[in-house]
Amino acid sequence: MLADGLARALRTSGHTVDCVASAKRALLALENEAFDLVLLDLGLPDHDGFDVLRRLRSRDTVPVIVITARDALPDRVRGLDLGADDYLVKPFAVEELEARVRALIRRRATPTAPQVTFGAVTFDLAAREARVRGERVELTAREWTIMEMLVTQAGVALQKERIVQSLSSWDETISANAVEVYVSRLRAKFEPVGLHIRTVRGYGYMLEAPNAP
């Protein structure tokens, strides 16, 4: 019930979320797919969460937030020593979890400034919003996700399949055609102010530098 509730809340905030109910399935998913963040409950039915954290850290640097009812200091220290990036004790406010999720994803994706400016356009990666000469540009959650990927890797061609994967979860698959629709909408919003999203034929998309300040 907690996992379902957190997944719904995070999806509403614009994240793509996959859920598993056992350590075995979690390790299998992490072995076969790339994730930006792991929320790890220590109370798993088949293995202790600390064991999952140890095995995960032996092969991956993905950020991990440990979620648990164990509030004893030795447990918190053990979790951090095993490589957890954050530790949240139940019960907690969903808003606090969402803030910690944003902070860890932002730290991994954008190790430098939380704002990126291209000519007249400023992208606030912390607030998840874009402004043109101070005026906010209305973006859907999926439009922002695509634009954030392009902005933080400007000048680099992003594979369309990678964008599809970032927008899809196991129970909701986004098609390549849908990505094309989102990119078309983004072009309509940003090309008039000098930001150009170039199609890399047979591969994906790339954000080019603006033509003018």
C-alpha atoms as a PDB file:
ATOM      1  CA  MET A   1       0.000   0.000   0.000  1.00  0.00           C
ATOM      2  CA  LEU A   2       2.827   2.390   0.813  1.00  0.00           C
ATOM      3  CA  ALA A   3       4.585   1.635  -2.482  1.00  0.00           C
ATOM      4  CA  ASP A   4       1.392   2.202  -4.468  1.00  0.00           C
ATOM      5  CA  GLY A   5       0.720   5.491  -2.716  1.00  0.00           C
ATOM      6  CA  LEU A   6       4.260   6.775  -3.195  1.00  0.00           C
ATOM      7  CA  ALA A   7       4.251   5.715  -6.847  1.00  0.00           C
ATOM      8  CA  ARG A   8       1.037   7.645  -7.493  1.00  0.00           C
ATOM      9  CA  ALA A   9       2.387  10.740  -5.746  1.00  0.00           C
ATOM     10  CA  LEU A  10       5.689  10.666  -7.641  1.00  0.00           C
ATOM     11  CA  ARG A  11       3.949  10.116 -10.981  1.00  0.00           C
ATOM     12  CA  THR A  12       1.736  13.103 -10.272  1.00  0.00           C
ATOM     13  CA  SER A  13       4.938  15.111  -9.730  1.00  0.00           C
ATOM     14  CA  GLY A  14       6.178  14.125 -13.186  1.00  0.00           C
ATOM     15  CA  HIS A  15       8.398  11.137 -12.403  1.00  0.00           C
ATOM     16  CA  THR A  16       8.287   7.766 -14.146  1.00  0.00           C
ATOM     17  CA  VAL A  17       8.000   5.048 -11.488  1.00  0.00           C
ATOM     18  CA  ASP A  18       8.394   1.263 -11.518  1.00  0.00           C
ATOM     19  CA  CYS A  19       7.592  -0.859  -8.431  1.00  0.00           C
ATOM     20  CA  VAL A  20       8.684  -4.316  -7.344  1.00  0.00           C
ATOM     21  CA  ALA A  21       7.754  -6.196  -4.185  1.00  0.00           C
ATOM     22  CA  SER A  22      10.826  -8.343  -3.550  1.00  0.00           C
ATOM     23  CA  ALA A  23      14.605  -8.128  -3.399  1.00  0.00           C
ATOM     24  CA  LYS A  24      14.957 -10.692  -6.194  1.00  0.00           C
ATOM     25  CA  ARG A  25      12.835  -8.667  -8.599  1.00  0.00           C
ATOM     26  CA  ALA A  26      14.535  -5.433  -7.565  1.00  0.00           C
ATOM     27  CA  LEU A  27      18.015  -6.753  -8.288  1.00  0.00           C
ATOM     28  CA  LEU A  28      16.848  -8.201 -11.607  1.00  0.00           C
ATOM     29  CA  ALA A  29      15.310  -4.875 -12.640  1.00  0.00           C
ATOM     30  CA  LEU A  30      18.451  -2.957 -11.665  1.00  0.00           C
ATOM     31  CA  GLU A  31      20.590  -5.387 -13.615  1.00  0.00           C
ATOM     32  CA  ASN A  32      18.600  -4.986 -16.823  1.00  0.00           C
ATOM     33  CA  GLU A  33      17.479  -1.342 -16.795  1.00  0.00           C
ATOM     34  CA  ALA A  34      18.880   2.070 -15.910  1.00  0.00           C
ATOM     35  CA  PHE A  35      17.229   4.136 -13.173  1.00  0.00           C
ATOM     36  CA  ASP A  36      17.847   7.639 -11.838  1.00  0.00           C
ATOM     37  CA  LEU A  37      16.989   6.733  -8.249  1.00  0.00           C
ATOM     38  CA  VAL A  38      16.062   3.794  -6.016  1.00  0.00           C
ATOM     39  CA  LEU A  39      13.656   3.978  -3.066  1.00  0.00           C
ATOM     40  CA  LEU A  40      14.575   0.945  -0.977  1.00  0.00           C
ATOM     41  CA  ASP A  41      12.387  -0.329   1.856  1.00  0.00           C
ATOM     42  CA  LEU A  42      14.388  -2.426   4.296  1.00  0.00           C
ATOM     43  CA  GLY A  43      11.401  -4.632   5.128  1.00  0.00           C
ATOM     44  CA  LEU A  44      11.433  -6.878   2.052  1.00  0.00           C
ATOM     45  CA  PRO A  45       9.791 -10.335   2.175  1.00  0.00           C
ATOM     46  CA  ASP A  46      12.668 -12.392   0.753  1.00  0.00           C
ATOM     47  CA  HIS A  47      15.869 -10.583   1.839  1.00  0.00           C
ATOM     48  CA  ASP A  48      16.954  -7.921   4.268  1.00  0.00           C
ATOM     49  CA  GLY A  49      17.105  -4.524   2.577  1.00  0.00           C
ATOM     50  CA  PHE A  50      20.646  -3.985   3.804  1.00  0.00           C
ATOM     51  CA  ASP A  51      21.717  -7.035   1.802  1.00  0.00           C
ATOM     52  CA  VAL A  52      20.100  -5.577  -1.309  1.00  0.00           C
ATOM     53  CA  LEU A  53      21.881  -2.270  -0.695  1.00  0.00           C
ATOM     54  CA  ARG A  54      25.222  -4.045  -0.287  1.00  0.00           C
ATOM     55  CA  ARG A  55      24.800  -6.028  -3.506  1.00  0.00           C
ATOM     56  CA  LEU A  56      23.588  -2.977  -5.392  1.00  0.00           C
ATOM     57  CA  ARG A  57      26.520  -0.853  -4.274  1.00  0.00           C
ATOM     58  CA  SER A  58      28.980  -3.497  -5.442  1.00  0.00           C
ATOM     59  CA  ARG A  59      27.999  -2.815  -9.046  1.00  0.00           C
ATOM     60  CA  ASP A  60      26.062   0.478  -9.343  1.00  0.00           C
ATOM     61  CA  THR A  61      26.275   4.119  -8.253  1.00  0.00           C
ATOM     62  CA  VAL A  62      22.555   4.906  -8.638  1.00  0.00           C
ATOM     63  CA  PRO A  63      21.336   7.117  -5.749  1.00  0.00           C
ATOM     64  CA  VAL A  64      19.456   5.206  -3.037  1.00  0.00           C
ATOM     65  CA  ILE A  65      16.998   6.503  -0.443  1.00  0.00           C
ATOM     66  CA  VAL A  66      16.409   3.946   2.301  1.00  0.00           C
ATOM     67  CA  ILE A  67      12.847   3.891   3.651  1.00  0.00           C
ATOM     68  CA  THR A  68      12.314   2.067   6.943  1.00  0.00           C
ATOM     69  CA  ALA A  69      10.612   1.952  10.306  1.00  0.00           C
ATOM     70  CA  ARG A  70      13.976   1.238  11.937  1.00  0.00           C
ATOM     71  CA  ASP A  71      14.855   4.505  13.624  1.00  0.00           C
ATOM     72  CA  ALA A  72      17.708   3.298  15.839  1.00  0.00           C
ATOM     73  CA  LEU A  73      20.987   5.144  15.322  1.00  0.00           C
ATOM     74  CA  PRO A  74      22.989   1.948  14.554  1.00  0.00           C
ATOM     75  CA  ASP A  75      20.577   1.119  11.708  1.00  0.00           C
ATOM     76  CA  ARG A  76      20.880   4.605  10.227  1.00  0.00           C
ATOM     77  CA  VAL A  77      24.664   4.493  10.466  1.00  0.00           C
ATOM     78  CA  ARG A  78      24.759   1.034   8.901  1.00  0.00           C
ATOM     79  CA  GLY A  79      22.601   2.126   5.990  1.00  0.00           C
ATOM     80  CA  LEU A  80      24.759   5.159   5.250  1.00  0.00           C
ATOM     81  CA  ASP A  81      27.960   3.137   5.636  1.00  0.00           C
ATOM     82  CA  LEU A  82      26.662   0.600   3.121  1.00  0.00           C
ATOM     83  CA  GLY A  83      26.189   3.370   0.570  1.00  0.00           C
ATOM     84  CA  ALA A  84      22.712   4.835   1.028  1.00  0.00           C
ATOM     85  CA  ASP A  85      22.519   8.458  -0.087  1.00  0.00           C
ATOM     86  CA  ASP A  86      19.643   9.294   2.235  1.00  0.00           C
ATOM     87  CA  TYR A  87      17.650   7.636   5.020  1.00  0.00           C
ATOM     88  CA  LEU A  88      13.964   8.325   5.688  1.00  0.00           C
ATOM     89  CA  VAL A  89      12.180   6.898   8.739  1.00  0.00           C
ATOM     90  CA  LYS A  90       8.473   6.049   8.639  1.00  0.00           C
ATOM     91  CA  PRO A  91       6.121   7.763   9.060  1.00  0.00           C
ATOM     92  CA  PHE A  92       7.117  10.675   6.848  1.00  0.00           C
ATOM     93  CA  ALA A  93       5.417  13.354   4.771  1.00  0.00           C
ATOM     94  CA  VAL A  94       5.197  12.631   1.058  1.00  0.00           C
ATOM     95  CA  GLU A  95       6.270  16.220   0.393  1.00  0.00           C
ATOM     96  CA  GLU A  96       9.542  15.593   2.220  1.00  0.00           C
ATOM     97  CA  LEU A  97      10.213  12.441   0.212  1.00  0.00           C
ATOM     98  CA  GLU A  98       9.486  14.290  -3.037  1.00  0.00           C
ATOM     99  CA  ALA A  99      11.937  17.039  -2.052  1.00  0.00           C
ATOM    100  CA  ARG A 100      14.666  14.491  -1.289  1.00  0.00           C
ATOM    101  CA  VAL A 101      13.986  12.686  -4.576  1.00  0.00           C
ATOM    102  CA  ARG A 102      14.312  15.934  -6.516  1.00  0.00           C
ATOM    103  CA  ALA A 103      17.512  16.833  -4.709  1.00  0.00           C
ATOM    104  CA  LEU A 104      19.231  13.498  -5.399  1.00  0.00           C
ATOM    105  CA  ILE A 105      18.177  13.306  -9.045  1.00  0.00           C
ATOM    106  CA  ARG A 106      19.235  16.911  -9.580  1.00  0.00           C
ATOM    107  CA  ARG A 107      22.579  16.292  -7.877  1.00  0.00           C
ATOM    108  CA  ARG A 108      23.298  13.327 -10.156  1.00  0.00           C
ATOM    109  CA  ALA A 109      22.090  14.891 -13.407  1.00  0.00           C
ATOM    110  CA  THR A 110      23.364  18.414 -12.833  1.00  0.00           C
ATOM    111  CA  PRO A 111      26.434  18.500 -10.613  1.00  0.00           C
ATOM    112  CA  THR A 112      26.931  22.199 -11.368  1.00  0.00           C
ATOM    113  CA  ALA A 113      24.514  25.151 -11.343  1.00  0.00           C
ATOM    114  CA  PRO A 114      20.783  24.487 -10.815  1.00  0.00           C
ATOM    115  CA  GLN A 115      19.977  27.016 -13.560  1.00  0.00           C
ATOM    116  CA  VAL A 116      20.956  26.774 -17.227  1.00  0.00           C
ATOM    117  CA  THR A 117      20.562  29.713 -19.606  1.00  0.00           C
ATOM    118  CA  PHE A 118      20.437  29.675 -23.391  1.00  0.00           C
ATOM    119  CA  GLY A 119      20.004  33.163 -24.799  1.00  0.00           C
ATOM    120  CA  ALA A 120      16.640  34.447 -23.619  1.00  0.00           C
ATOM    121  CA  VAL A 121      15.622  31.125 -22.052  1.00  0.00           C
ATOM    122  CA  THR A 122      16.433  30.106 -18.488  1.00  0.00           C
ATOM    123  CA  PHE A 123      15.799  26.572 -17.219  1.00  0.00           C
ATOM    124  CA  ASP A 124      15.471  26.270 -13.451  1.00  0.00           C
ATOM    125  CA  LEU A 125      16.290  22.622 -12.811  1.00  0.00           C
ATOM    126  CA  ALA A 126      15.352  22.845  -9.140  1.00  0.00           C
ATOM    127  CA  ALA A 127      11.926  24.392  -9.732  1.00  0.00           C
ATOM    128  CA  ARG A 128      11.436  22.315 -12.914  1.00  0.00           C
ATOM    129  CA  GLU A 129      10.388  25.294 -14.996  1.00  0.00           C
ATOM    130  CA  ALA A 130      11.482  27.339 -18.009  1.00  0.00           C
ATOM    131  CA  ARG A 131      11.263  31.102 -18.428  1.00  0.00           C
ATOM    132  CA  VAL A 132      11.673  33.307 -21.479  1.00  0.00           C
ATOM    133  CA  ARG A 133      12.803  36.792 -20.463  1.00  0.00           C
ATOM    134  CA  GLY A 134      11.269  36.154 -17.070  1.00  0.00           C
ATOM    135  CA  GLU A 135       7.945  34.825 -18.346  1.00  0.00           C
ATOM    136  CA  ARG A 136       7.136  31.233 -17.406  1.00  0.00           C
ATOM    137  CA  VAL A 137       6.687  28.746 -20.261  1.00  0.00           C
ATOM    138  CA  GLU A 138       3.894  26.241 -19.618  1.00  0.00           C
ATOM    139  CA  LEU A 139       5.233  22.686 -19.942  1.00  0.00           C
ATOM    140  CA  THR A 140       3.622  19.348 -19.171  1.00  0.00           C
ATOM    141  CA  ALA A 141       5.529  16.891 -16.990  1.00  0.00           C
ATOM    142  CA  ARG A 142       6.603  14.862 -20.019  1.00  0.00           C
ATOM    143  CA  GLU A 143       7.599  17.934 -22.005  1.00  0.00           C
ATOM    144  CA  TRP A 144       9.755  19.049 -19.088  1.00  0.00           C
ATOM    145  CA  THR A 145      11.385  15.618 -18.790  1.00  0.00           C
ATOM    146  CA  ILE A 146      12.411  15.684 -22.458  1.00  0.00           C
ATOM    147  CA  MET A 147      13.570  19.290 -22.302  1.00  0.00           C
ATOM    148  CA  GLU A 148      15.582  18.662 -19.139  1.00  0.00           C
ATOM    149  CA  MET A 149      17.397  15.774 -20.837  1.00  0.00           C
ATOM    150  CA  LEU A 150      18.206  17.955 -23.844  1.00  0.00           C
ATOM    151  CA  VAL A 151      19.236  20.994 -21.781  1.00  0.00           C
ATOM    152  CA  THR A 152      21.560  19.140 -19.423  1.00  0.00           C
ATOM    153  CA  GLN A 153      23.247  17.449 -22.397  1.00  0.00           C
ATOM    154  CA  ALA A 154      23.127  20.262 -24.955  1.00  0.00           C
ATOM    155  CA  GLY A 155      25.119  19.525 -28.089  1.00  0.00           C
ATOM    156  CA  VAL A 156      24.860  15.763 -27.509  1.00  0.00           C
ATOM    157  CA  ALA A 157      22.558  13.602 -29.637  1.00  0.00           C
ATOM    158  CA  LEU A 158      20.087  11.720 -27.447  1.00  0.00           C
ATOM    159  CA  GLN A 159      18.767   8.420 -28.718  1.00  0.00           C
ATOM    160  CA  LYS A 160      14.993   8.425 -29.177  1.00  0.00           C
ATOM    161  CA  GLU A 161      14.751   5.053 -27.463  1.00  0.00           C
ATOM    162  CA  ARG A 162      16.433   6.521 -24.384  1.00  0.00           C
ATOM    163  CA  ILE A 163      13.810   9.265 -24.257  1.00  0.00           C
ATOM    164  CA  VAL A 164      11.045   6.672 -24.656  1.00  0.00           C
ATOM    165  CA  GLN A 165      12.488   4.689 -21.733  1.00  0.00           C
ATOM    166  CA  SER A 166      12.668   7.806 -19.549  1.00  0.00           C
ATOM    167  CA  LEU A 167       8.973   8.500 -20.124  1.00  0.00           C
ATOM    168  CA  SER A 168       7.742   4.904 -19.849  1.00  0.00           C
ATOM    169  CA  SER A 169       7.065   2.663 -16.895  1.00  0.00           C
ATOM    170  CA  TRP A 170       6.281  -1.054 -16.914  1.00  0.00           C
ATOM    171  CA  ASP A 171       2.543  -0.409 -16.819  1.00  0.00           C
ATOM    172  CA  GLU A 172       2.530   2.571 -19.192  1.00  0.00           C
ATOM    173  CA  THR A 173       4.604   2.488 -22.366  1.00  0.00           C
ATOM    174  CA  ILE A 174       5.156   5.682 -24.344  1.00  0.00           C
ATOM    175  CA  SER A 175       5.601   5.183 -28.090  1.00  0.00           C
ATOM    176  CA  ALA A 176       8.262   6.739 -30.283  1.00  0.00           C
ATOM    177  CA  ASN A 177       5.460   8.532 -32.131  1.00  0.00           C
ATOM    178  CA  ALA A 178       4.375  10.149 -28.863  1.00  0.00           C
ATOM    179  CA  VAL A 179       7.919  11.420 -28.328  1.00  0.00           C
ATOM    180  CA  GLU A 180       7.785  13.016 -31.773  1.00  0.00           C
ATOM    181  CA  VAL A 181       4.577  14.814 -30.770  1.00  0.00           C
ATOM    182  CA  TYR A 182       6.154  16.121 -27.561  1.00  0.00           C
ATOM    183  CA  VAL A 183       9.254  17.309 -29.419  1.00  0.00           C
ATOM    184  CA  SER A 184       7.044  19.084 -31.959  1.00  0.00           C
ATOM    185  CA  ARG A 185       5.293  20.924 -29.123  1.00  0.00           C
ATOM    186  CA  LEU A 186       8.634  21.889 -27.577  1.00  0.00           C
ATOM    187  CA  ARG A 187       9.848  23.245 -30.907  1.00  0.00           C
ATOM    188  CA  ALA A 188       6.728  25.396 -31.193  1.00  0.00           C
ATOM    189  CA  LYS A 189       7.419  26.840 -27.746  1.00  0.00           C
ATOM    190  CA  PHE A 190      11.178  27.405 -27.955  1.00  0.00           C
ATOM    191  CA  GLU A 191      12.241  27.826 -31.581  1.00  0.00           C
ATOM    192  CA  PRO A 192      10.697  31.343 -31.799  1.00  0.00           C
ATOM    193  CA  VAL A 193      13.189  32.430 -29.098  1.00  0.00           C
ATOM    194  CA  GLY A 194      16.227  30.820 -30.691  1.00  0.00           C
ATOM    195  CA  LEU A 195      16.377  27.303 -29.238  1.00  0.00           C
ATOM    196  CA  HIS A 196      16.544  24.628 -31.920  1.00  0.00           C
ATOM    197  CA  ILE A 197      15.935  20.921 -31.331  1.00  0.00           C
ATOM    198  CA  ARG A 198      17.594  19.196 -34.272  1.00  0.00           C
ATOM    199  CA  THR A 199      16.522  15.778 -35.496  1.00  0.00           C
ATOM    200  CA  VAL A 200      19.484  13.426 -35.833  1.00  0.00           C
ATOM    201  CA  ARG A 201      18.178  11.214 -38.599  1.00  0.00           C
ATOM    202  CA  GLY A 202      17.829   7.575 -37.623  1.00  0.00           C
ATOM    203  CA  TYR A 203      18.937   8.265 -34.045  1.00  0.00           C
ATOM    204  CA  GLY A 204      17.172  10.940 -32.014  1.00  0.00           C
ATOM    205  CA  TYR A 205      17.383  14.615 -31.090  1.00  0.00           C
ATOM    206  CA  MET A 206      19.930  17.227 -30.070  1.00  0.00           C
ATOM    207  CA  LEU A 207      19.563  20.688 -28.555  1.00  0.00           C
ATOM    208  CA  GLU A 208      21.611  23.260 -30.463  1.00  0.00           C
ATOM    209  CA  ALA A 209      22.809  26.630 -29.212  1.00  0.00           C
ATOM    210  CA  PRO A 210      20.455  29.563 -29.785  1.00  0.00           C
ATOM    211  CA  ASN A 211      20.996  31.734 -32.828  1.00  0.00           C
ATOM    212  CA  ALA A 212      20.888  34.924 -30.836  1.00  0.00           C
ATOM    213  CA  PRO A 213      21.072  36.096 -27.225  1.00  0.00           C
END
